[in-house]
Amino acid sequence: MSVAGCTVEISNGRARAEPVPASEWGRAMSDSTSAATGTEQTLRPHAETAFAAELAALAAADDRPRPARWRMSPWAVATYLLGGTLPDGTVVTPKYVGPRRIVEVAVTTLATDRALLLLGVPGTAKTWVSEHLAAAVSGDSTLLVQGTAGTPEEAIRYGWNYAQLLTHGPSRDALVPSPVMRAMAEGRIARVEELTRIPADVQDTLITILSEKTLPIPELGTETQAVRGFNLIATANDRDRGVNDLSSALRRRFNTVVLPLPATAEDEVDIVSRRVGQMGRGLDLPAAPQWADEIRRVVTVFRELRGGVTEDGRTKVKSPSGTLSTAEAISVVTNGLALAAHFGDGVLRAGDVAAGILGAVVRDPAADRLVWQEYLETVVRERDGWKDFYRACREVSV
């Protein structure tokens, strides 16, 4: 066998390692990398790859004016997100289920000099929408800065290749551009995820970029100016408000669009069904024709606990500490589908989703467990057709 550039032979219980020639090692690594990066091997392709056919069909059918360096018109971008049928019969699947005006405002913002801030509670598809907006506008959703408490200023501005810097001093060759800097130079859309998690002083490095559309490089006595087509999409969630609030100066540079939770149970069931189907195909999980009933039950439980009242409005219930978002419902159903496929008969049943629901609801072991048990006994136990669900939840809750 080969490990770390060596061939290991086992003889008389002892291992003897011989170096593998560099050419063979390099060729093996190249073959492995090629196999792993094939589209069919990618666990989650970028939006511009996964929906390349739809994007190409939209661009071909799009005869409306396009802003500079946009791959398609604002109308076509909105159609890509919301779905529709093109004149040639091509069906564009919806990527976002929600009010059309929200998408139109978001797309229009990117065609102006204002940056876009997508705001909402966790699980309202902020990251999903930002990725698809960037894919449709620029054909590239990968110019991404992931915000964390440790995000440095270099992640937004630029860094340095220190080997080059020490050898040749400050130069363009030694400079390592950030995704934002690259987007400015190429006229593309940059994305900043979880903006409010980034320290305030690092956040404010965006002020000059968004107001002056330039990024000074004092070490070289020069700057990078944004070319037409550049803009920025940031996301933040309501639960992080107060962690690292945006300064008033920075907030003025954004047009804020609030993404709401799905308005109706039907909308939420539709979203969960679509995403579970997409994720299931990517994970080679079998399609389960009976999953609609279990998805509806998971969505119903989440919506009732989230809203503090039952579907019929007759019974008030306590809400747990978690958000119980649509994204969590998708995770619960996907995990249940995997359980059914690998440890069952492939049919999604109540027992496959019960443990996932318990994990999503009970975040605080003391308070949330009482909320969940009370909901089971006062609502689920009395609901017609839910006896199997009640028993499955009771089994994992003990």
Protein backbone atom coordinates (compact mmCIF):
# COMPACT_ATOMS: atom_id res chain seq x y z
CA MET A 1 0.00 0.00 0.00
CA SER A 2 1.07 3.64 -0.49
CA VAL A 3 1.00 6.37 2.15
CA ALA A 4 2.53 9.84 2.11
CA GLY A 5 4.75 9.19 -0.88
CA CYS A 6 5.96 5.77 0.29
CA THR A 7 5.23 2.18 -0.59
CA VAL A 8 4.75 0.15 2.59
CA GLU A 9 5.47 -3.58 2.45
CA ILE A 10 4.54 -5.96 5.27
CA SER A 11 7.01 -8.83 5.77
CA ASN A 12 7.27 -11.12 8.80
CA GLY A 13 5.07 -8.79 10.79
CA ARG A 14 7.32 -5.79 10.09
CA ALA A 15 6.63 -2.80 7.92
CA ARG A 16 9.25 -1.52 5.49
CA ALA A 17 8.70 1.77 3.65
CA GLU A 18 10.22 2.56 0.26
CA PRO A 19 9.88 5.98 -1.38
CA VAL A 20 7.53 6.24 -4.34
CA PRO A 21 9.11 8.09 -7.29
CA ALA A 22 7.98 11.71 -7.38
CA SER A 23 6.54 11.31 -10.87
CA GLU A 24 4.31 8.42 -9.79
CA TRP A 25 3.23 10.18 -6.59
CA GLY A 26 2.38 13.35 -8.50
CA ARG A 27 0.48 11.38 -11.13
CA ALA A 28 -1.51 9.52 -8.46
CA MET A 29 -2.39 12.74 -6.68
CA SER A 30 -3.42 14.33 -9.97
CA ASP A 31 -5.68 11.41 -10.84
CA SER A 32 -7.23 11.48 -7.36
CA THR A 33 -7.83 15.23 -7.55
CA SER A 34 -9.37 14.98 -11.01
CA ALA A 35 -11.76 12.29 -9.84
CA ALA A 36 -12.72 14.21 -6.73
CA THR A 37 -13.39 17.48 -8.54
CA GLY A 38 -15.63 16.02 -11.20
CA THR A 39 -19.12 17.49 -11.19
CA GLU A 40 -20.67 14.11 -10.45
CA GLN A 41 -18.41 13.77 -7.39
CA THR A 42 -19.13 17.20 -5.93
CA LEU A 43 -21.25 16.97 -2.81
CA ARG A 44 -22.77 20.41 -3.30
CA PRO A 45 -22.07 22.09 -6.66
CA HIS A 46 -22.08 25.88 -6.77
CA ALA A 47 -25.33 27.39 -8.03
CA GLU A 48 -23.81 28.37 -11.38
CA THR A 49 -22.81 24.73 -11.92
CA ALA A 50 -25.91 23.00 -10.57
CA PHE A 51 -28.27 25.19 -12.58
CA ALA A 52 -26.05 25.88 -15.59
CA ALA A 53 -28.70 24.71 -18.07
CA GLU A 54 -31.35 27.04 -16.66
CA LEU A 55 -28.94 29.98 -16.60
CA ALA A 56 -27.92 29.34 -20.21
CA ALA A 57 -31.54 29.06 -21.36
CA LEU A 58 -32.47 32.27 -19.57
CA ALA A 59 -29.52 34.17 -21.03
CA ALA A 60 -30.39 32.94 -24.54
CA ALA A 61 -34.04 33.97 -24.23
CA ASP A 62 -33.29 37.28 -22.50
CA ASP A 63 -33.69 40.27 -24.83
CA ARG A 64 -34.03 42.95 -22.15
CA PRO A 65 -31.39 45.58 -21.28
CA ARG A 66 -28.57 44.30 -19.07
CA PRO A 67 -26.50 46.40 -16.67
CA ALA A 68 -22.76 46.46 -17.38
CA ARG A 69 -21.10 43.03 -16.96
CA TRP A 70 -24.36 41.34 -15.93
CA ARG A 71 -24.91 37.92 -17.50
CA MET A 72 -28.63 38.65 -17.87
CA SER A 73 -31.20 41.38 -17.27
CA PRO A 74 -32.76 42.09 -13.86
CA TRP A 75 -36.00 40.53 -15.15
CA ALA A 76 -34.19 37.30 -16.03
CA VAL A 77 -32.41 37.23 -12.65
CA ALA A 78 -35.76 37.53 -10.87
CA THR A 79 -37.22 34.79 -13.08
CA TYR A 80 -34.26 32.54 -12.23
CA LEU A 81 -34.95 32.93 -8.51
CA LEU A 82 -38.74 32.76 -8.63
CA GLY A 83 -39.17 30.24 -11.44
CA GLY A 84 -41.18 30.30 -14.64
CA THR A 85 -41.54 28.86 -18.13
CA LEU A 86 -39.55 30.34 -21.03
CA PRO A 87 -40.94 30.78 -24.57
CA ASP A 88 -39.03 27.69 -25.75
CA GLY A 89 -40.70 25.58 -23.06
CA THR A 90 -37.75 25.46 -20.67
CA VAL A 91 -38.99 25.24 -17.08
CA VAL A 92 -37.01 27.35 -14.60
CA THR A 93 -37.38 25.89 -11.12
CA PRO A 94 -38.02 28.33 -8.25
CA LYS A 95 -35.03 28.85 -5.98
CA TYR A 96 -36.93 31.09 -3.55
CA VAL A 97 -40.56 30.78 -2.50
CA GLY A 98 -41.82 34.10 -1.19
CA PRO A 99 -43.14 37.53 -2.18
CA ARG A 100 -42.05 38.52 -5.69
CA ARG A 101 -41.52 42.15 -4.67
CA ILE A 102 -38.79 41.13 -2.21
CA VAL A 103 -36.77 39.52 -5.01
CA GLU A 104 -37.40 42.44 -7.36
CA VAL A 105 -36.16 44.95 -4.77
CA ALA A 106 -33.06 42.84 -4.08
CA VAL A 107 -32.20 42.50 -7.77
CA THR A 108 -32.83 46.19 -8.45
CA THR A 109 -30.55 47.16 -5.55
CA LEU A 110 -27.65 45.28 -7.17
CA ALA A 111 -28.14 47.36 -10.33
CA THR A 112 -27.57 50.57 -8.34
CA ASP A 113 -24.63 51.87 -6.32
CA ARG A 114 -26.11 50.57 -3.07
CA ALA A 115 -24.99 47.29 -1.52
CA LEU A 116 -27.60 44.71 -0.50
CA LEU A 117 -28.12 43.47 3.06
CA LEU A 118 -30.32 40.38 3.41
CA LEU A 119 -31.69 40.33 6.93
CA GLY A 120 -33.85 37.75 8.69
CA VAL A 121 -34.06 35.11 11.38
CA PRO A 122 -31.86 32.01 10.95
CA GLY A 123 -33.12 29.64 8.28
CA THR A 124 -34.86 32.16 6.00
CA ALA A 125 -32.64 31.31 2.99
CA LYS A 126 -30.41 34.39 3.15
CA THR A 127 -27.28 32.52 2.11
CA TRP A 128 -29.21 30.55 -0.51
CA VAL A 129 -30.64 33.74 -2.06
CA SER A 130 -27.29 35.55 -2.02
CA GLU A 131 -25.58 32.62 -3.75
CA HIS A 132 -28.18 32.44 -6.51
CA LEU A 133 -28.20 36.21 -7.01
CA ALA A 134 -24.42 36.20 -7.48
CA ALA A 135 -24.60 33.19 -9.81
CA ALA A 136 -27.25 34.80 -12.02
CA VAL A 137 -25.68 38.27 -12.12
CA SER A 138 -21.97 37.39 -12.36
CA GLY A 139 -21.89 33.70 -13.18
CA ASP A 140 -19.70 33.25 -10.10
CA SER A 141 -20.93 32.82 -6.52
CA THR A 142 -17.53 31.93 -5.05
CA LEU A 143 -16.23 35.43 -4.19
CA LEU A 144 -17.18 34.87 -0.56
CA VAL A 145 -16.06 36.17 2.83
CA GLN A 146 -17.35 34.06 5.72
CA GLY A 147 -17.92 36.29 8.73
CA THR A 148 -16.85 35.06 12.15
CA ALA A 149 -15.67 36.63 15.39
CA GLY A 150 -12.12 36.04 14.16
CA THR A 151 -12.44 37.43 10.63
CA PRO A 152 -9.41 39.69 10.05
CA GLU A 153 -9.27 42.90 8.07
CA GLU A 154 -7.23 41.13 5.39
CA ALA A 155 -10.22 38.94 4.52
CA ILE A 156 -12.05 42.02 3.26
CA ARG A 157 -9.14 44.14 1.99
CA TYR A 158 -6.02 42.18 1.00
CA GLY A 159 -3.16 40.22 2.50
CA TRP A 160 0.43 39.45 1.61
CA ASN A 161 2.47 36.50 0.44
CA TYR A 162 5.12 36.85 3.12
CA ALA A 163 7.74 34.83 1.23
CA GLN A 164 7.45 37.27 -1.68
CA LEU A 165 7.21 40.23 0.67
CA LEU A 166 10.42 39.36 2.52
CA THR A 167 12.29 38.56 -0.68
CA HIS A 168 11.24 41.40 -2.96
CA GLY A 169 9.44 43.86 -0.69
CA PRO A 170 5.90 45.21 -1.24
CA SER A 171 4.76 44.61 -4.81
CA ARG A 172 1.72 43.56 -6.77
CA ASP A 173 3.13 40.04 -6.99
CA ALA A 174 3.32 39.83 -3.21
CA LEU A 175 -0.23 41.11 -2.71
CA VAL A 176 -2.99 38.53 -2.09
CA PRO A 177 -6.35 40.03 -3.09
CA SER A 178 -9.45 39.33 -1.01
CA PRO A 179 -12.67 38.12 -2.67
CA VAL A 180 -14.00 41.68 -2.35
CA MET A 181 -10.92 43.14 -4.04
CA ARG A 182 -11.21 40.62 -6.88
CA ALA A 183 -14.88 41.45 -7.34
CA MET A 184 -14.02 45.15 -7.55
CA ALA A 185 -11.35 44.58 -10.20
CA GLU A 186 -13.48 42.16 -12.27
CA GLY A 187 -16.86 43.87 -11.95
CA ARG A 188 -18.53 40.99 -10.14
CA ILE A 189 -20.69 40.40 -7.06
CA ALA A 190 -18.92 39.77 -3.75
CA ARG A 191 -20.65 38.10 -0.82
CA VAL A 192 -20.13 38.61 2.92
CA GLU A 193 -21.85 36.04 5.12
CA GLU A 194 -22.89 36.78 8.72
CA LEU A 195 -21.79 40.42 8.63
CA THR A 196 -22.83 41.08 12.22
CA ARG A 197 -20.50 38.35 13.49
CA ILE A 198 -17.49 40.27 12.17
CA PRO A 199 -15.81 42.64 14.67
CA ALA A 200 -16.98 46.24 14.30
CA ASP A 201 -13.58 47.65 13.32
CA VAL A 202 -13.28 45.05 10.54
CA GLN A 203 -16.84 45.74 9.35
CA ASP A 204 -15.95 49.40 8.88
CA THR A 205 -13.29 48.56 6.29
CA LEU A 206 -16.27 48.23 3.94
CA ILE A 207 -17.24 51.90 4.30
CA THR A 208 -14.67 53.26 1.84
CA ILE A 209 -15.24 50.35 -0.53
CA LEU A 210 -18.99 50.92 -0.63
CA SER A 211 -19.01 54.72 -0.59
CA GLU A 212 -15.96 55.61 -2.70
CA LYS A 213 -15.90 52.37 -4.70
CA THR A 214 -12.16 52.20 -4.17
CA LEU A 215 -9.74 50.19 -2.04
CA PRO A 216 -6.55 52.09 -1.14
CA ILE A 217 -3.24 50.16 -1.04
CA PRO A 218 -0.99 52.57 0.90
CA GLU A 219 1.97 50.15 0.91
CA LEU A 220 2.17 50.51 -2.87
CA GLY A 221 0.94 54.09 -3.10
CA THR A 222 -1.93 52.97 -5.31
CA GLU A 223 -5.53 51.76 -5.16
CA THR A 224 -7.98 49.35 -6.75
CA GLN A 225 -11.04 51.05 -8.18
CA ALA A 226 -14.26 49.14 -8.67
CA VAL A 227 -15.31 48.69 -12.27
CA ARG A 228 -18.92 48.69 -13.39
CA GLY A 229 -20.75 45.55 -12.40
CA PHE A 230 -19.27 45.40 -8.92
CA ASN A 231 -21.57 45.19 -5.93
CA LEU A 232 -21.77 43.41 -2.61
CA ILE A 233 -24.35 41.20 -0.90
CA ALA A 234 -24.15 40.79 2.86
CA THR A 235 -26.29 38.61 5.11
CA ALA A 236 -27.10 38.97 8.81
CA ASN A 237 -29.67 37.41 11.10
CA ASP A 238 -31.98 39.09 13.59
CA ARG A 239 -30.81 36.91 16.45
CA ASP A 240 -27.31 38.41 16.19
CA ARG A 241 -28.52 41.97 16.57
CA GLY A 242 -26.49 43.53 19.37
CA VAL A 243 -23.52 41.20 18.92
CA ASN A 244 -21.66 43.47 16.52
CA ASP A 245 -24.24 46.00 15.38
CA LEU A 246 -23.46 47.80 12.15
CA SER A 247 -22.36 51.39 12.57
CA SER A 248 -24.79 53.97 11.23
CA ALA A 249 -22.19 54.95 8.62
CA LEU A 250 -21.97 51.40 7.31
CA ARG A 251 -25.70 50.70 7.50
CA ARG A 252 -26.36 53.73 5.27
CA ARG A 253 -24.34 52.06 2.51
CA PHE A 254 -26.76 49.14 2.38
CA ASN A 255 -30.27 48.73 1.14
CA THR A 256 -31.81 46.27 3.64
CA VAL A 257 -34.21 43.58 2.47
CA VAL A 258 -35.86 41.46 5.18
CA LEU A 259 -36.51 37.84 4.23
CA PRO A 260 -39.54 36.58 6.16
CA LEU A 261 -40.41 33.08 7.25
CA PRO A 262 -42.74 31.28 4.81
CA ALA A 263 -46.17 32.87 5.02
CA THR A 264 -48.21 29.65 4.81
CA ALA A 265 -47.75 26.01 5.71
CA GLU A 266 -48.17 25.12 2.03
CA ASP A 267 -45.27 27.39 1.08
CA GLU A 268 -43.06 25.87 3.76
CA VAL A 269 -43.97 22.30 2.77
CA ASP A 270 -43.13 23.18 -0.83
CA ILE A 271 -39.73 24.63 0.16
CA VAL A 272 -38.84 21.64 2.34
CA SER A 273 -39.96 19.15 -0.32
CA ARG A 274 -37.89 20.81 -3.05
CA ARG A 275 -34.72 21.10 -0.98
CA VAL A 276 -34.99 17.59 0.44
CA GLY A 277 -35.44 16.27 -3.10
CA GLN A 278 -32.35 18.15 -4.33
CA MET A 279 -30.23 17.09 -1.36
CA GLY A 280 -31.48 13.51 -1.56
CA ARG A 281 -30.41 13.22 -5.20
CA GLY A 282 -26.98 14.59 -4.30
CA LEU A 283 -26.64 11.99 -1.54
CA ASP A 284 -27.99 9.14 -3.70
CA LEU A 285 -30.96 8.67 -1.39
CA PRO A 286 -34.03 7.01 -2.93
CA ALA A 287 -37.08 9.13 -3.64
CA ALA A 288 -39.79 8.39 -1.10
CA PRO A 289 -43.28 8.86 -2.54
CA GLN A 290 -44.81 8.79 0.94
CA TRP A 291 -42.61 11.54 2.36
CA ALA A 292 -45.19 14.30 1.78
CA ASP A 293 -47.21 13.31 4.86
CA GLU A 294 -44.17 13.29 7.15
CA ILE A 295 -42.90 16.60 5.75
CA ARG A 296 -46.26 18.17 6.46
CA ARG A 297 -46.20 16.86 10.04
CA VAL A 298 -42.67 18.17 10.64
CA VAL A 299 -43.62 21.58 9.20
CA THR A 300 -46.81 21.67 11.27
CA VAL A 301 -44.93 20.92 14.50
CA PHE A 302 -42.30 23.57 13.76
CA ARG A 303 -44.84 26.24 12.80
CA GLU A 304 -47.02 25.60 15.87
CA LEU A 305 -44.14 25.67 18.33
CA ARG A 306 -42.63 28.68 16.56
CA GLY A 307 -45.89 30.62 16.53
CA GLY A 308 -47.12 29.61 19.99
CA VAL A 309 -50.51 28.43 18.75
CA THR A 310 -51.92 25.37 17.00
CA GLU A 311 -52.82 25.34 13.33
CA ASP A 312 -56.53 25.80 14.02
CA GLY A 313 -55.86 28.70 16.40
CA ARG A 314 -57.68 27.02 19.30
CA THR A 315 -54.82 26.04 21.58
CA LYS A 316 -51.91 28.14 22.75
CA VAL A 317 -48.58 26.33 23.18
CA LYS A 318 -45.28 27.34 24.68
CA SER A 319 -42.37 28.06 22.34
CA PRO A 320 -38.91 26.54 22.87
CA SER A 321 -35.68 28.53 22.87
CA GLY A 322 -34.61 27.46 19.35
CA THR A 323 -35.67 29.11 16.09
CA LEU A 324 -37.20 25.98 14.46
CA SER A 325 -36.50 27.40 11.03
CA THR A 326 -37.31 26.00 7.61
CA ALA A 327 -33.64 25.08 7.24
CA GLU A 328 -33.88 22.93 10.39
CA ALA A 329 -37.01 21.24 9.02
CA ILE A 330 -35.07 20.40 5.84
CA SER A 331 -32.27 18.91 7.95
CA VAL A 332 -34.68 16.83 10.03
CA VAL A 333 -36.42 15.36 6.97
CA THR A 334 -33.15 14.72 5.10
CA ASN A 335 -31.73 12.88 8.10
CA GLY A 336 -34.94 10.90 8.41
CA LEU A 337 -34.77 9.95 4.75
CA ALA A 338 -31.21 8.71 5.24
CA LEU A 339 -32.34 6.62 8.22
CA ALA A 340 -35.16 5.12 6.17
CA ALA A 341 -32.81 4.33 3.30
CA HIS A 342 -29.94 2.83 5.27
CA PHE A 343 -31.69 1.25 8.25
CA GLY A 344 -35.25 0.76 7.05
CA ASP A 345 -37.22 -0.13 3.95
CA GLY A 346 -36.82 3.24 2.22
CA VAL A 347 -40.22 4.54 3.28
CA LEU A 348 -40.08 7.67 5.43
CA ARG A 349 -42.07 7.13 8.63
CA ALA A 350 -42.66 8.95 11.90
CA GLY A 351 -39.91 7.01 13.65
CA ASP A 352 -37.35 8.28 11.15
CA VAL A 353 -38.00 11.98 11.91
CA ALA A 354 -38.83 11.77 15.63
CA ALA A 355 -35.24 11.93 16.90
CA GLY A 356 -34.41 14.80 14.56
CA ILE A 357 -37.40 16.81 15.81
CA LEU A 358 -36.41 16.18 19.41
CA GLY A 359 -32.89 17.44 18.70
CA ALA A 360 -34.19 20.56 16.95
CA VAL A 361 -36.74 21.42 19.66
CA VAL A 362 -34.84 20.56 22.85
CA ARG A 363 -31.85 22.91 22.89
CA ASP A 364 -32.16 23.73 26.60
CA PRO A 365 -32.35 20.29 28.29
CA ALA A 366 -34.46 21.59 31.17
CA ALA A 367 -36.87 24.23 29.84
CA ASP A 368 -37.26 22.97 26.28
CA ARG A 369 -37.90 19.37 27.33
CA LEU A 370 -40.89 20.51 29.41
CA VAL A 371 -42.20 22.54 26.46
CA TRP A 372 -41.87 19.51 24.18
CA GLN A 373 -43.52 17.07 26.57
CA GLU A 374 -46.43 19.42 27.16
CA TYR A 375 -46.91 19.85 23.41
CA LEU A 376 -46.86 16.09 22.87
CA GLU A 377 -49.47 15.42 25.55
CA THR A 378 -51.85 18.32 24.89
CA VAL A 379 -51.65 18.61 21.09
CA VAL A 380 -50.06 15.62 19.33
CA ARG A 381 -51.70 12.94 21.47
CA GLU A 382 -55.21 14.23 20.71
CA ARG A 383 -54.71 14.80 16.97
CA ASP A 384 -56.44 12.36 14.61
CA GLY A 385 -54.08 10.29 12.48
CA TRP A 386 -51.03 11.19 14.56
CA LYS A 387 -50.92 8.19 16.90
CA ASP A 388 -47.83 6.72 15.19
CA PHE A 389 -46.09 10.09 15.41
CA TYR A 390 -46.99 10.44 19.09
CA ARG A 391 -45.63 6.96 19.91
CA ALA A 392 -42.40 7.54 17.96
CA CYS A 393 -41.79 10.87 19.70
CA ARG A 394 -42.55 9.41 23.11
CA GLU A 395 -40.04 6.59 22.54
CA VAL A 396 -37.15 8.96 21.78
CA SER A 397 -38.18 11.46 24.47
CA VAL A 398 -37.94 9.02 27.39
